[in-house]
N, C-alpha and C. Protein backbone atom coordinates (compact mmCIF):
# COMPACT_ATOMS: atom_id res chain seq x y z
N MET A 1 -34.78 -23.11 39.55
CA MET A 1 -34.02 -22.57 38.05
C MET A 1 -34.51 -23.56 36.79
N ALA A 2 -35.28 -22.68 36.15
CA ALA A 2 -34.83 -23.70 34.98
C ALA A 2 -34.06 -23.18 34.28
N THR A 3 -33.93 -24.33 33.15
CA THR A 3 -32.39 -24.17 32.37
C THR A 3 -33.09 -24.62 31.33
N ASN A 4 -32.61 -24.08 29.79
CA ASN A 4 -32.88 -23.80 28.52
C ASN A 4 -32.12 -24.76 27.82
N THR A 5 -32.02 -25.97 27.26
CA THR A 5 -32.19 -27.57 26.88
C THR A 5 -31.28 -26.85 25.65
N ASN A 6 -32.14 -25.35 25.38
CA ASN A 6 -31.20 -25.63 23.63
C ASN A 6 -29.98 -24.31 23.56
N CYS A 7 -29.84 -24.38 24.68
CA CYS A 7 -28.13 -23.78 24.92
C CYS A 7 -26.83 -24.37 26.11
N LEU A 8 -27.48 -25.93 25.82
CA LEU A 8 -26.59 -26.70 26.57
C LEU A 8 -25.46 -27.68 25.45
N LEU A 9 -24.14 -27.62 25.68
CA LEU A 9 -23.67 -28.63 24.46
C LEU A 9 -23.41 -29.50 24.75
N ASP A 10 -23.72 -30.51 24.96
CA ASP A 10 -23.43 -32.12 25.51
C ASP A 10 -22.25 -31.97 24.01
N LEU A 11 -20.99 -31.94 25.78
CA LEU A 11 -20.19 -32.24 25.24
C LEU A 11 -19.50 -34.11 24.34
N ASN A 12 -20.46 -34.78 24.59
CA ASN A 12 -20.24 -36.07 24.22
C ASN A 12 -20.56 -36.43 23.10
N SER A 13 -20.89 -35.54 22.64
CA SER A 13 -21.76 -35.80 21.21
C SER A 13 -20.77 -35.86 20.18
N GLN A 14 -20.84 -36.57 19.27
CA GLN A 14 -19.35 -37.42 18.72
C GLN A 14 -20.70 -36.96 16.78
N GLN A 15 -21.27 -36.14 16.45
CA GLN A 15 -21.83 -35.89 15.18
C GLN A 15 -20.42 -34.80 14.61
N PRO A 16 -20.47 -35.51 13.42
CA PRO A 16 -20.22 -35.46 12.59
C PRO A 16 -20.41 -34.16 11.69
N PRO A 17 -19.17 -33.10 11.82
CA PRO A 17 -19.58 -31.86 10.84
C PRO A 17 -20.87 -31.93 9.81
N THR A 18 -21.18 -30.65 9.44
CA THR A 18 -21.48 -30.48 8.80
C THR A 18 -21.17 -29.89 7.47
N THR A 19 -21.71 -30.27 5.75
CA THR A 19 -21.29 -30.17 4.74
C THR A 19 -20.90 -29.01 4.89
N GLN A 20 -21.59 -27.34 5.54
CA GLN A 20 -21.53 -26.36 5.35
C GLN A 20 -20.45 -25.54 6.48
N SER A 21 -20.15 -26.34 7.38
CA SER A 21 -19.44 -25.66 8.55
C SER A 21 -17.94 -26.24 6.85
N THR A 22 -17.66 -27.47 7.57
CA THR A 22 -16.83 -28.19 6.01
C THR A 22 -16.57 -27.32 5.06
N SER A 23 -17.12 -26.59 4.19
CA SER A 23 -17.26 -25.82 3.20
C SER A 23 -16.13 -24.71 3.75
N PHE A 24 -16.72 -24.41 4.65
CA PHE A 24 -16.56 -22.87 6.04
C PHE A 24 -15.15 -22.53 5.71
N LEU A 25 -14.75 -24.06 6.63
CA LEU A 25 -13.31 -24.35 7.13
C LEU A 25 -12.46 -24.15 5.71
N ASN A 26 -12.86 -25.15 5.13
CA ASN A 26 -11.78 -24.93 3.36
C ASN A 26 -12.07 -23.35 2.95
N GLN A 27 -12.99 -22.58 2.81
CA GLN A 27 -12.29 -21.50 2.82
C GLN A 27 -11.82 -20.58 3.31
N LEU A 28 -11.36 -20.84 4.65
CA LEU A 28 -11.03 -19.76 5.65
C LEU A 28 -9.29 -20.79 5.20
N LEU A 29 -9.06 -22.48 5.24
CA LEU A 29 -7.84 -23.14 5.08
C LEU A 29 -7.69 -22.00 3.93
N LEU A 30 -8.61 -21.92 2.68
CA LEU A 30 -7.40 -21.60 1.16
C LEU A 30 -7.79 -20.36 2.08
N GLN A 31 -8.27 -18.94 2.10
CA GLN A 31 -7.72 -17.50 2.08
C GLN A 31 -6.47 -17.78 3.11
N GLU A 32 -6.56 -18.69 3.81
CA GLU A 32 -4.52 -18.46 5.30
C GLU A 32 -3.78 -19.16 3.86
N GLN A 33 -3.98 -19.63 3.17
CA GLN A 33 -3.08 -20.32 1.97
C GLN A 33 -2.89 -19.09 1.32
N GLN A 34 -3.42 -18.62 0.58
CA GLN A 34 -3.26 -17.40 -0.33
C GLN A 34 -2.83 -16.03 0.30
N LEU A 35 -3.26 -16.03 1.81
CA LEU A 35 -2.39 -14.90 2.31
C LEU A 35 -0.88 -15.44 2.76
N ARG A 36 -0.64 -16.26 2.37
CA ARG A 36 0.81 -16.70 3.49
C ARG A 36 1.52 -16.75 2.02
N ILE A 37 1.05 -16.60 0.81
CA ILE A 37 1.21 -17.07 -0.55
C ILE A 37 2.32 -15.34 -0.70
N GLU A 38 0.97 -14.70 -0.37
CA GLU A 38 0.97 -13.20 -0.92
C GLU A 38 2.01 -12.54 -0.37
N LEU A 39 2.04 -13.56 1.61
CA LEU A 39 3.07 -12.84 2.32
C LEU A 39 4.71 -12.92 2.20
N GLN A 40 4.72 -13.97 1.89
CA GLN A 40 5.86 -14.64 0.72
C GLN A 40 6.46 -13.55 -0.13
N LYS A 41 6.09 -13.73 -1.14
CA LYS A 41 5.69 -12.84 -2.72
C LYS A 41 5.99 -11.40 -1.18
N GLN A 42 5.53 -10.79 -0.73
CA GLN A 42 5.60 -9.64 -0.34
C GLN A 42 7.46 -9.68 0.02
N ILE A 43 7.33 -10.72 1.22
CA ILE A 43 9.08 -10.75 0.97
C ILE A 43 10.26 -10.66 1.32
N THR A 44 9.80 -11.72 0.03
CA THR A 44 10.46 -11.78 -1.06
C THR A 44 11.27 -10.45 -2.47
N GLY A 45 10.22 -10.26 -2.25
CA GLY A 45 10.02 -8.38 -2.50
C GLY A 45 11.00 -7.66 -2.27
N ILE A 46 10.32 -7.91 -1.10
CA ILE A 46 11.24 -7.21 0.48
C ILE A 46 12.65 -7.60 0.61
N GLN A 47 13.20 -8.65 0.28
CA GLN A 47 14.25 -9.48 0.42
C GLN A 47 14.96 -9.10 -0.56
N SER A 48 14.16 -8.82 -1.56
CA SER A 48 15.52 -8.25 -3.08
C SER A 48 15.53 -7.08 -3.41
N GLN A 49 14.56 -5.93 -2.82
CA GLN A 49 15.14 -4.98 -2.45
C GLN A 49 16.04 -4.90 -1.73
N ILE A 50 15.95 -5.05 -0.93
CA ILE A 50 16.96 -5.21 0.17
C ILE A 50 18.74 -5.70 -0.30
N GLU A 51 18.45 -6.58 -1.33
CA GLU A 51 19.82 -6.70 -2.04
C GLU A 51 20.17 -5.93 -2.78
N ASP A 52 19.02 -5.23 -3.37
CA ASP A 52 20.04 -4.47 -3.88
C ASP A 52 19.59 -3.66 -3.49
N LEU A 53 19.49 -2.06 -2.44
CA LEU A 53 20.31 -2.04 -2.03
C LEU A 53 22.14 -2.20 -1.35
N ARG A 54 21.69 -3.64 -0.71
CA ARG A 54 22.98 -3.53 -0.24
C ARG A 54 24.15 -3.79 -2.13
N GLN A 55 23.45 -3.71 -2.79
CA GLN A 55 24.89 -3.93 -4.50
C GLN A 55 25.33 -2.58 -4.60
N HIS A 56 23.75 -2.01 -4.29
CA HIS A 56 23.72 -0.30 -4.66
C HIS A 56 24.70 0.56 -3.83
N VAL A 57 24.95 0.10 -2.28
CA VAL A 57 25.50 0.72 -1.51
C VAL A 57 27.17 0.00 -2.44
N VAL A 58 27.66 -1.17 -1.69
CA VAL A 58 28.69 -2.25 -2.86
C VAL A 58 28.87 -1.38 -3.54
N SER A 59 28.55 -0.93 -4.12
CA SER A 59 29.12 0.17 -5.42
C SER A 59 28.72 1.41 -5.91
N CYS A 60 28.18 2.02 -4.57
CA CYS A 60 28.83 4.03 -4.50
C CYS A 60 29.90 3.40 -3.50
N GLU A 61 30.46 2.28 -3.14
CA GLU A 61 31.82 2.52 -1.48
C GLU A 61 32.41 2.16 -2.53
N GLN A 62 32.52 1.37 -3.63
CA GLN A 62 33.49 1.68 -5.01
C GLN A 62 34.09 2.38 -5.61
N ASP A 63 32.58 3.57 -5.77
CA ASP A 63 32.64 4.61 -7.20
C ASP A 63 33.55 5.78 -5.87
N ASN A 64 32.80 5.41 -3.78
CA ASN A 64 33.92 6.64 -3.79
C ASN A 64 35.19 6.44 -3.55
N ARG A 65 35.44 5.35 -3.07
CA ARG A 65 37.08 5.19 -3.18
C ARG A 65 37.91 5.08 -4.69
N ASN A 66 37.02 4.80 -5.74
CA ASN A 66 37.81 5.52 -7.45
C ASN A 66 38.34 6.83 -7.32
N LEU A 67 37.03 7.67 -6.48
CA LEU A 67 36.15 8.94 -6.89
C LEU A 67 38.15 9.86 -5.59
N GLN A 68 38.22 9.04 -4.54
CA GLN A 68 39.17 8.86 -3.75
C GLN A 68 40.74 9.03 -3.79
N SER A 69 40.66 7.97 -4.81
CA SER A 69 41.93 7.66 -5.39
C SER A 69 41.85 8.72 -6.51
N LYS A 70 41.04 8.90 -7.69
CA LYS A 70 41.47 9.94 -8.56
C LYS A 70 41.56 11.12 -7.64
N TYR A 71 41.11 12.10 -7.06
CA TYR A 71 41.18 13.22 -6.35
C TYR A 71 42.41 12.94 -5.53
N ALA A 72 43.18 12.24 -4.67
CA ALA A 72 44.29 12.43 -5.11
C ALA A 72 45.78 12.43 -6.17
N GLU A 73 45.13 11.20 -7.09
CA GLU A 73 46.59 12.02 -8.21
C GLU A 73 46.08 12.72 -8.65
N LEU A 74 44.54 13.67 -8.41
CA LEU A 74 44.69 15.27 -9.44
C LEU A 74 45.17 16.03 -8.81
N SER A 75 45.53 15.37 -7.33
CA SER A 75 45.94 16.85 -6.44
C SER A 75 47.28 16.33 -6.83
N THR A 76 47.93 15.20 -6.70
CA THR A 76 49.89 15.31 -6.71
C THR A 76 50.20 15.82 -8.17
N ASN A 77 48.31 15.55 -9.42
CA ASN A 77 49.28 16.20 -10.39
C ASN A 77 49.08 17.42 -9.73
N LEU A 78 48.36 18.02 -9.91
CA LEU A 78 48.25 20.13 -9.68
C LEU A 78 49.47 20.12 -8.32
N SER A 79 50.09 19.54 -7.88
CA SER A 79 50.89 19.80 -6.80
C SER A 79 52.84 19.98 -7.98
N ILE A 80 52.33 18.72 -8.76
CA ILE A 80 53.98 18.80 -9.37
C ILE A 80 54.09 20.06 -10.84
N THR A 81 52.66 20.67 -11.23
CA THR A 81 52.16 21.00 -12.08
C THR A 81 52.36 22.53 -11.05
N ALA A 82 51.91 22.54 -10.47
CA ALA A 82 52.07 24.54 -9.76
C ALA A 82 53.90 24.56 -9.52
N ASN A 83 54.81 23.28 -8.99
CA ASN A 83 55.96 23.26 -8.74
C ASN A 83 57.11 23.77 -10.12
N ASN A 84 55.88 23.22 -11.21
CA ASN A 84 56.87 23.69 -12.51
C ASN A 84 56.81 25.06 -13.21
N VAL A 85 55.76 25.23 -12.44
CA VAL A 85 55.28 26.43 -13.51
C VAL A 85 55.95 27.32 -13.62
N VAL A 86 56.98 27.89 -14.95
CA VAL A 86 57.47 28.74 -14.82
C VAL A 86 57.07 30.17 -15.03
N GLN A 87 57.48 31.01 -13.47
CA GLN A 87 57.14 31.89 -13.04
C GLN A 87 58.43 33.54 -14.12
N VAL A 88 57.32 34.29 -15.17
CA VAL A 88 58.18 35.01 -14.90
C VAL A 88 58.25 36.68 -14.91
N ALA A 89 58.98 37.36 -14.58
CA ALA A 89 58.15 38.99 -14.43
C ALA A 89 59.77 39.54 -14.51
N PHE A 90 59.67 40.87 -14.51
CA PHE A 90 60.24 42.07 -14.61
C PHE A 90 60.15 43.08 -13.98
N PHE A 91 60.11 44.24 -13.92
CA PHE A 91 60.71 45.66 -13.83
C PHE A 91 61.60 46.42 -13.42
N VAL A 92 62.10 46.90 -14.58
CA VAL A 92 62.57 48.15 -14.38
C VAL A 92 62.58 49.78 -15.00
N ARG A 93 63.82 50.10 -14.32
CA ARG A 93 64.02 52.03 -14.41
C ARG A 93 65.49 52.07 -15.26
N LEU A 94 65.23 53.70 -15.83
CA LEU A 94 66.28 54.13 -15.48
C LEU A 94 67.32 55.19 -14.63
N ARG A 95 68.66 54.78 -14.03
CA ARG A 95 68.94 54.79 -12.86
C ARG A 95 69.24 56.76 -13.19
N ASP A 96 69.26 56.65 -14.66
CA ASP A 96 69.67 58.68 -14.54
C ASP A 96 69.08 58.78 -15.83
N LYS A 97 68.98 60.09 -17.19
CA LYS A 97 68.39 60.74 -17.58
C LYS A 97 69.33 60.12 -18.94
N ILE A 98 68.48 59.95 -19.53
CA ILE A 98 69.10 59.46 -21.23
C ILE A 98 69.43 60.51 -22.05
N THR A 99 70.52 61.01 -22.97
CA THR A 99 70.25 62.45 -23.33
C THR A 99 71.53 61.70 -24.88
N ASN A 100 71.34 62.59 -25.72
CA ASN A 100 71.39 62.70 -27.33
C ASN A 100 72.00 61.52 -27.15
N HIS A 101 70.51 60.12 -26.80
CA HIS A 101 70.89 59.12 -27.46
C HIS A 101 70.62 59.73 -29.49
N HIS A 102 71.88 58.47 -29.47
CA HIS A 102 71.51 57.74 -31.30
C HIS A 102 70.45 57.04 -31.66
N MET A 103 70.00 57.68 -32.91
CA MET A 103 69.10 56.71 -33.15
C MET A 103 69.23 55.32 -33.58
N SER A 104 67.77 54.67 -32.39
CA SER A 104 67.80 52.42 -33.11
C SER A 104 69.00 52.34 -31.97
N THR A 105 69.74 53.57 -30.49
CA THR A 105 70.40 52.97 -29.39
C THR A 105 69.86 52.23 -29.03
N ILE A 106 69.81 51.42 -28.58
CA ILE A 106 69.08 50.51 -27.60
C ILE A 106 68.38 51.76 -25.61
N MET A 107 67.37 51.28 -25.11
CA MET A 107 67.75 52.12 -24.01
C MET A 107 67.78 50.71 -22.61
N VAL A 108 68.52 50.78 -22.08
CA VAL A 108 69.22 50.31 -21.35
C VAL A 108 68.63 50.62 -19.72
N PHE A 109 67.72 49.87 -19.12
CA PHE A 109 67.19 50.65 -18.57
C PHE A 109 68.16 49.36 -17.26
N ASP A 110 68.83 49.86 -15.94
CA ASP A 110 69.72 49.55 -15.27
C ASP A 110 69.61 49.09 -14.28
N ASP A 111 68.04 50.07 -13.61
CA ASP A 111 67.32 49.93 -11.90
C ASP A 111 66.41 48.88 -11.58
N VAL A 112 66.92 47.62 -11.49
CA VAL A 112 66.07 46.47 -11.94
C VAL A 112 65.16 46.38 -9.91
N GLN A 113 64.45 46.54 -9.92
CA GLN A 113 63.31 45.86 -8.93
C GLN A 113 62.46 44.85 -8.70
N LEU A 114 62.91 43.91 -9.92
CA LEU A 114 61.82 42.93 -10.79
C LEU A 114 62.34 41.82 -11.44
N ASN A 115 63.15 41.25 -11.20
CA ASN A 115 63.70 40.12 -12.51
C ASN A 115 63.50 38.63 -12.28
N THR A 116 62.05 38.33 -11.56
CA THR A 116 61.68 37.41 -11.41
C THR A 116 62.47 35.91 -12.75
N GLY A 117 62.76 34.95 -12.58
CA GLY A 117 63.13 34.15 -14.23
C GLY A 117 64.66 34.96 -14.13
N ASN A 118 64.99 35.75 -14.42
CA ASN A 118 66.66 36.34 -14.71
C ASN A 118 66.45 35.70 -16.36
N ALA A 119 64.78 36.93 -17.10
CA ALA A 119 65.04 37.17 -18.74
C ALA A 119 65.00 38.56 -18.88
N TYR A 120 64.78 39.29 -18.21
CA TYR A 120 65.61 40.75 -18.33
C TYR A 120 66.99 40.73 -18.07
N ASP A 121 67.60 41.06 -19.04
CA ASP A 121 69.20 41.45 -18.61
C ASP A 121 69.51 42.74 -18.66
N PRO A 122 69.95 43.05 -17.45
CA PRO A 122 70.12 45.07 -17.31
C PRO A 122 71.29 45.46 -17.56
N HIS A 123 71.99 44.54 -18.70
CA HIS A 123 73.62 44.66 -19.33
C HIS A 123 73.15 45.32 -20.55
N VAL A 124 72.79 44.88 -21.24
CA VAL A 124 72.83 45.05 -22.47
C VAL A 124 71.05 46.00 -22.54
N GLY A 125 70.31 45.38 -22.04
CA GLY A 125 68.61 45.99 -21.50
C GLY A 125 67.75 45.46 -22.80
N THR A 126 67.92 44.48 -22.55
CA THR A 126 67.00 43.28 -23.40
C THR A 126 66.72 41.54 -22.59
N PHE A 127 65.30 41.92 -23.76
CA PHE A 127 64.55 40.76 -22.32
C PHE A 127 64.29 39.14 -23.21
N THR A 128 65.12 37.84 -22.56
CA THR A 128 64.91 37.46 -24.08
C THR A 128 63.78 36.47 -23.33
N ALA A 129 62.56 35.93 -23.97
CA ALA A 129 61.57 34.79 -23.53
C ALA A 129 62.53 33.55 -23.08
N PRO A 130 62.40 33.00 -21.60
CA PRO A 130 62.76 31.39 -21.37
C PRO A 130 61.95 30.83 -22.10
N VAL A 131 60.63 30.97 -22.05
CA VAL A 131 59.71 29.58 -22.81
C VAL A 131 58.40 30.19 -23.90
N GLU A 132 57.96 29.80 -25.06
CA GLU A 132 57.29 29.75 -25.84
C GLU A 132 55.79 30.26 -24.91
N GLY A 133 55.88 31.10 -25.42
CA GLY A 133 54.34 31.46 -24.56
C GLY A 133 53.93 32.52 -25.03
N VAL A 134 52.83 33.37 -24.41
CA VAL A 134 51.97 35.15 -24.36
C VAL A 134 52.74 36.22 -23.13
N TYR A 135 52.61 37.26 -23.48
CA TYR A 135 53.80 37.83 -22.61
C TYR A 135 53.14 39.65 -22.68
N LYS A 136 52.83 40.42 -22.32
CA LYS A 136 52.24 41.32 -21.82
C LYS A 136 53.67 42.20 -21.38
N PHE A 137 53.45 43.23 -22.15
CA PHE A 137 54.95 44.78 -21.79
C PHE A 137 54.13 46.04 -21.66
N ASP A 138 54.63 46.60 -20.65
CA ASP A 138 54.76 47.83 -20.46
C ASP A 138 55.45 48.88 -20.23
N LEU A 139 55.29 50.47 -20.89
CA LEU A 139 56.37 51.17 -20.79
C LEU A 139 55.36 52.28 -21.01
N VAL A 140 56.70 53.14 -20.02
CA VAL A 140 56.34 54.37 -19.53
C VAL A 140 57.75 55.71 -19.75
N LEU A 141 57.48 56.51 -20.04
CA LEU A 141 58.57 57.05 -20.57
C LEU A 141 58.23 58.60 -20.50
N SER A 142 59.25 59.74 -19.60
CA SER A 142 58.55 60.90 -19.38
C SER A 142 60.38 62.03 -20.22
N SER A 143 59.64 62.94 -20.10
CA SER A 143 60.48 63.41 -21.28
C SER A 143 60.35 64.90 -21.03
N ASN A 144 62.18 65.59 -20.99
CA ASN A 144 60.89 67.45 -20.54
C ASN A 144 61.76 67.99 -21.73
N VAL A 145 61.95 67.56 -23.29
CA VAL A 145 62.21 68.67 -23.93
C VAL A 145 60.95 67.76 -25.54
N GLU A 146 60.85 68.05 -26.66
CA GLU A 146 59.92 68.15 -27.44
C GLU A 146 60.41 66.26 -27.97
N ASN A 147 61.50 65.75 -28.14
CA ASN A 147 61.83 64.82 -28.86
C ASN A 147 62.09 63.87 -27.02
N GLY A 148 61.30 63.14 -27.23
CA GLY A 148 60.91 62.25 -26.34
C GLY A 148 60.13 60.33 -26.95
N HIS A 149 61.18 60.45 -27.41
CA HIS A 149 60.64 58.90 -28.70
C HIS A 149 61.17 57.74 -27.83
N GLY A 150 59.96 57.02 -28.22
CA GLY A 150 60.86 55.17 -27.49
C GLY A 150 60.23 54.32 -28.80
N GLU A 151 60.42 53.32 -28.90
CA GLU A 151 59.48 51.87 -29.92
C GLU A 151 60.55 50.73 -29.71
N MET A 152 59.21 49.85 -28.65
CA MET A 152 58.97 48.52 -28.31
C MET A 152 59.70 47.52 -29.55
N MET A 153 60.32 47.06 -29.44
CA MET A 153 60.77 46.05 -30.62
C MET A 153 61.03 44.93 -30.30
N HIS A 154 60.67 44.03 -31.63
CA HIS A 154 60.39 42.18 -31.07
C HIS A 154 61.65 41.45 -32.20
N ASN A 155 62.40 41.25 -32.17
CA ASN A 155 63.25 40.74 -32.99
C ASN A 155 63.66 41.41 -34.07
N GLY A 156 64.01 42.82 -33.19
CA GLY A 156 63.90 43.77 -34.26
C GLY A 156 62.99 44.29 -35.20
N VAL A 157 61.28 43.67 -35.06
CA VAL A 157 60.28 44.29 -35.62
C VAL A 157 59.62 45.76 -34.46
N LYS A 158 59.24 46.34 -35.40
CA LYS A 158 58.57 47.61 -34.10
C LYS A 158 57.40 47.38 -34.42
N ILE A 159 57.36 47.23 -32.30
CA ILE A 159 55.90 46.63 -32.59
C ILE A 159 54.90 47.43 -31.44
N LEU A 160 55.24 48.70 -30.68
CA LEU A 160 54.79 50.16 -30.29
C LEU A 160 55.58 51.00 -30.36
N ASP A 161 54.33 51.98 -30.18
CA ASP A 161 55.23 53.57 -30.11
C ASP A 161 54.59 53.84 -29.17
N VAL A 162 55.62 54.73 -28.32
CA VAL A 162 55.20 56.07 -26.96
C VAL A 162 56.36 56.86 -27.31
N TYR A 163 55.09 57.83 -27.49
CA TYR A 163 55.79 59.77 -27.75
C TYR A 163 55.29 59.79 -25.98
N ALA A 164 56.81 60.84 -25.45
CA ALA A 164 56.95 61.57 -24.24
C ALA A 164 57.37 63.11 -25.01
N ASP A 165 56.16 64.17 -25.33
CA ASP A 165 56.52 65.00 -25.68
C ASP A 165 56.84 65.61 -24.87
N LYS A 166 57.42 66.41 -24.65
CA LYS A 166 56.86 68.12 -24.01
C LYS A 166 56.38 68.69 -24.87
N VAL A 167 54.72 69.25 -24.13
CA VAL A 167 54.11 70.50 -25.25
C VAL A 167 53.78 71.70 -24.45
N ASN A 168 54.74 71.60 -23.22
CA ASN A 168 55.10 73.82 -22.87
C ASN A 168 56.15 73.29 -21.60
N GLN A 169 56.24 74.30 -21.22
CA GLN A 169 57.19 74.77 -20.33
C GLN A 169 56.83 74.01 -18.72
N SER A 170 56.31 73.72 -18.72
CA SER A 170 55.41 73.91 -16.90
C SER A 170 55.33 72.37 -16.55
N PHE A 171 55.01 70.95 -18.16
CA PHE A 171 55.21 70.16 -17.72
C PHE A 171 55.80 69.35 -18.10
N TYR A 172 56.36 68.03 -17.74
CA TYR A 172 57.04 67.06 -18.41
C TYR A 172 55.65 66.11 -19.41
N GLY A 173 56.41 65.91 -20.17
CA GLY A 173 55.42 65.49 -21.61
C GLY A 173 55.96 63.65 -21.24
N ARG A 174 54.27 62.82 -20.99
CA ARG A 174 55.10 61.49 -20.54
C ARG A 174 53.78 60.69 -21.39
N GLY A 175 54.15 59.67 -21.90
CA GLY A 175 53.33 59.04 -22.99
C GLY A 175 53.76 57.13 -21.75
N SER A 176 52.95 56.17 -22.48
CA SER A 176 52.82 54.59 -22.46
C SER A 176 52.61 54.57 -23.54
N GLY A 177 52.63 52.63 -22.92
CA GLY A 177 51.53 51.94 -24.39
C GLY A 177 51.81 50.92 -23.70
N SER A 178 51.00 49.73 -23.68
CA SER A 178 50.72 48.21 -23.37
C SER A 178 50.51 46.89 -24.55
N ILE A 179 51.24 46.25 -24.55
CA ILE A 179 50.77 45.20 -25.60
C ILE A 179 51.48 43.69 -25.10
N ILE A 180 50.18 43.25 -25.86
CA ILE A 180 50.36 41.39 -25.56
C ILE A 180 51.41 40.60 -26.96
N VAL A 181 52.07 39.92 -26.50
CA VAL A 181 52.34 39.32 -27.19
C VAL A 181 52.82 37.45 -27.68
N ARG A 182 52.73 36.80 -28.36
CA ARG A 182 53.23 35.70 -28.23
C ARG A 182 54.34 35.83 -28.85
N MET A 183 55.34 35.00 -28.30
CA MET A 183 56.75 34.99 -28.02
C MET A 183 57.12 33.12 -27.84
N ALA A 184 58.15 33.58 -28.99
CA ALA A 184 59.05 31.71 -29.15
C ALA A 184 59.90 31.41 -28.25
N LYS A 185 60.11 30.89 -27.70
CA LYS A 185 61.76 30.67 -26.78
C LYS A 185 62.61 31.46 -27.18
N GLY A 186 63.35 31.86 -27.27
CA GLY A 186 64.50 33.25 -26.75
C GLY A 186 64.92 34.08 -27.55
N ASP A 187 63.13 34.56 -27.95
CA ASP A 187 63.00 36.12 -28.90
C ASP A 187 62.97 36.85 -28.41
N LYS A 188 63.29 38.03 -28.64
CA LYS A 188 63.98 39.08 -27.48
C LYS A 188 62.90 40.26 -27.56
N VAL A 189 63.12 41.37 -26.71
CA VAL A 189 62.45 42.80 -26.86
C VAL A 189 63.35 43.74 -26.05
N TRP A 190 62.68 44.92 -26.98
CA TRP A 190 63.66 45.56 -25.97
C TRP A 190 63.37 46.80 -26.38
N ILE A 191 63.69 48.06 -26.12
CA ILE A 191 63.33 49.03 -25.79
C ILE A 191 64.80 50.28 -26.62
N GLN A 192 64.17 51.01 -27.78
CA GLN A 192 65.03 51.83 -28.63
C GLN A 192 64.71 53.43 -28.81
N HIS A 193 65.72 54.23 -28.47
CA HIS A 193 65.37 55.51 -29.36
C HIS A 193 65.17 55.99 -30.35
N ILE A 194 63.77 56.83 -30.55
CA ILE A 194 63.66 56.76 -31.62
C ILE A 194 64.15 58.06 -32.87
N ASP A 195 64.36 59.44 -31.76
CA ASP A 195 64.96 60.58 -32.45
C ASP A 195 66.25 61.21 -32.13
N VAL A 196 66.99 61.44 -33.26
CA VAL A 196 68.56 62.18 -32.73
C VAL A 196 68.62 63.90 -32.39
N GLY A 197 69.72 64.34 -32.08
CA GLY A 197 69.66 65.52 -32.09
C GLY A 197 69.28 65.79 -30.32
N ASN A 198 68.68 67.08 -30.20
CA ASN A 198 68.17 67.20 -28.64
C ASN A 198 67.59 66.21 -27.92
N THR A 199 67.56 65.12 -27.13
CA THR A 199 66.63 63.88 -27.00
C THR A 199 67.19 64.00 -24.79
N VAL A 200 66.03 63.71 -24.95
CA VAL A 200 66.11 63.61 -23.59
C VAL A 200 65.35 63.15 -22.64
N ILE A 201 65.61 61.40 -21.76
CA ILE A 201 64.28 60.90 -21.19
C ILE A 201 65.28 60.29 -20.23
N ASN A 202 63.76 61.03 -19.72
CA ASN A 202 64.07 61.13 -17.88
C ASN A 202 63.98 60.01 -16.92
N GLY A 203 65.36 60.02 -16.05
CA GLY A 203 65.43 58.55 -14.97
C GLY A 203 64.37 58.54 -13.77
N GLY A 204 64.73 57.47 -13.37
CA GLY A 204 64.04 57.96 -11.71
C GLY A 204 62.73 56.76 -11.85
N ILE A 205 61.90 57.50 -11.29
CA ILE A 205 60.54 56.34 -11.29
C ILE A 205 59.55 57.28 -12.71
N GLU A 206 60.34 58.36 -13.05
CA GLU A 206 59.11 58.53 -14.27
C GLU A 206 59.33 57.98 -15.60
N THR A 207 60.22 56.39 -15.92
CA THR A 207 60.55 56.08 -16.93
C THR A 207 60.59 54.89 -16.47
N ALA A 208 59.18 54.33 -17.01
CA ALA A 208 59.95 52.68 -16.01
C ALA A 208 59.60 51.52 -17.24
N PHE A 209 59.77 50.38 -17.43
CA PHE A 209 59.42 49.13 -18.45
C PHE A 209 59.21 47.53 -18.09
N SER A 210 58.25 47.22 -17.72
CA SER A 210 58.17 45.72 -17.20
C SER A 210 56.87 44.95 -18.13
N GLY A 211 57.51 43.61 -17.80
CA GLY A 211 56.99 42.78 -18.73
C GLY A 211 56.80 41.24 -18.01
N HIS A 212 55.24 40.68 -18.67
CA HIS A 212 55.03 39.14 -18.08
C HIS A 212 54.65 38.17 -18.52
N LEU A 213 54.77 36.99 -18.12
CA LEU A 213 54.68 35.60 -18.84
C LEU A 213 53.09 35.02 -18.11
N LEU A 214 52.12 35.82 -19.35
CA LEU A 214 50.79 35.63 -19.27
C LEU A 214 50.33 33.77 -18.74
N PHE A 215 50.81 33.36 -19.54
CA PHE A 215 50.72 31.50 -19.95
C PHE A 215 52.15 30.94 -20.96
N ALA A 216 52.13 30.00 -20.63
CA ALA A 216 53.18 29.22 -21.06
C ALA A 216 52.14 28.40 -22.83
N ALA A 217 52.67 28.49 -23.93
CA ALA A 217 52.34 28.15 -25.19
C ALA A 217 52.77 26.45 -24.77
């Protein structure tokens, strides 16, 4: 078989590399060095990002602990506040009808259905504000005669009129009114009669006086 001598490599040849091959190798080495530098930059950048993320996680964990602490403190404060809230509400009626009351006589609603806070006195018929705040009062009057008037007083000043005059023979007269009042601690509210003579204010479920604290000031 014929042998192509141009394809044979002389392993014992000690010929020095050519200038072209040396330049090529140098370019490869330079490219490798540049790639290493670029790769190191990327690695350094990634490590920096990882460190930033780690610091962010640490900061978030601290913020979370702070929020949990504040939440626990707020929950405690809300619990204390809820336990210290003053609750005031009353609902009272007349046991029996009132007849021939004298003018400006206080109506004593003596049938107590509700008296949370004990601010209403069923013996004298007055409500005394236990705390400063805004209160709402409601009054319903019923009468079977022409004179069935009542007025709500706040420290002696009239703040509401309610008329329950009978208008015909078939039906009782009925009137109602509501009002919202700011009261200082110790202020009083009561209902008093207006008319004199033949007056009747029905008792039972037909006549009622109620009130409650909306919010403390």
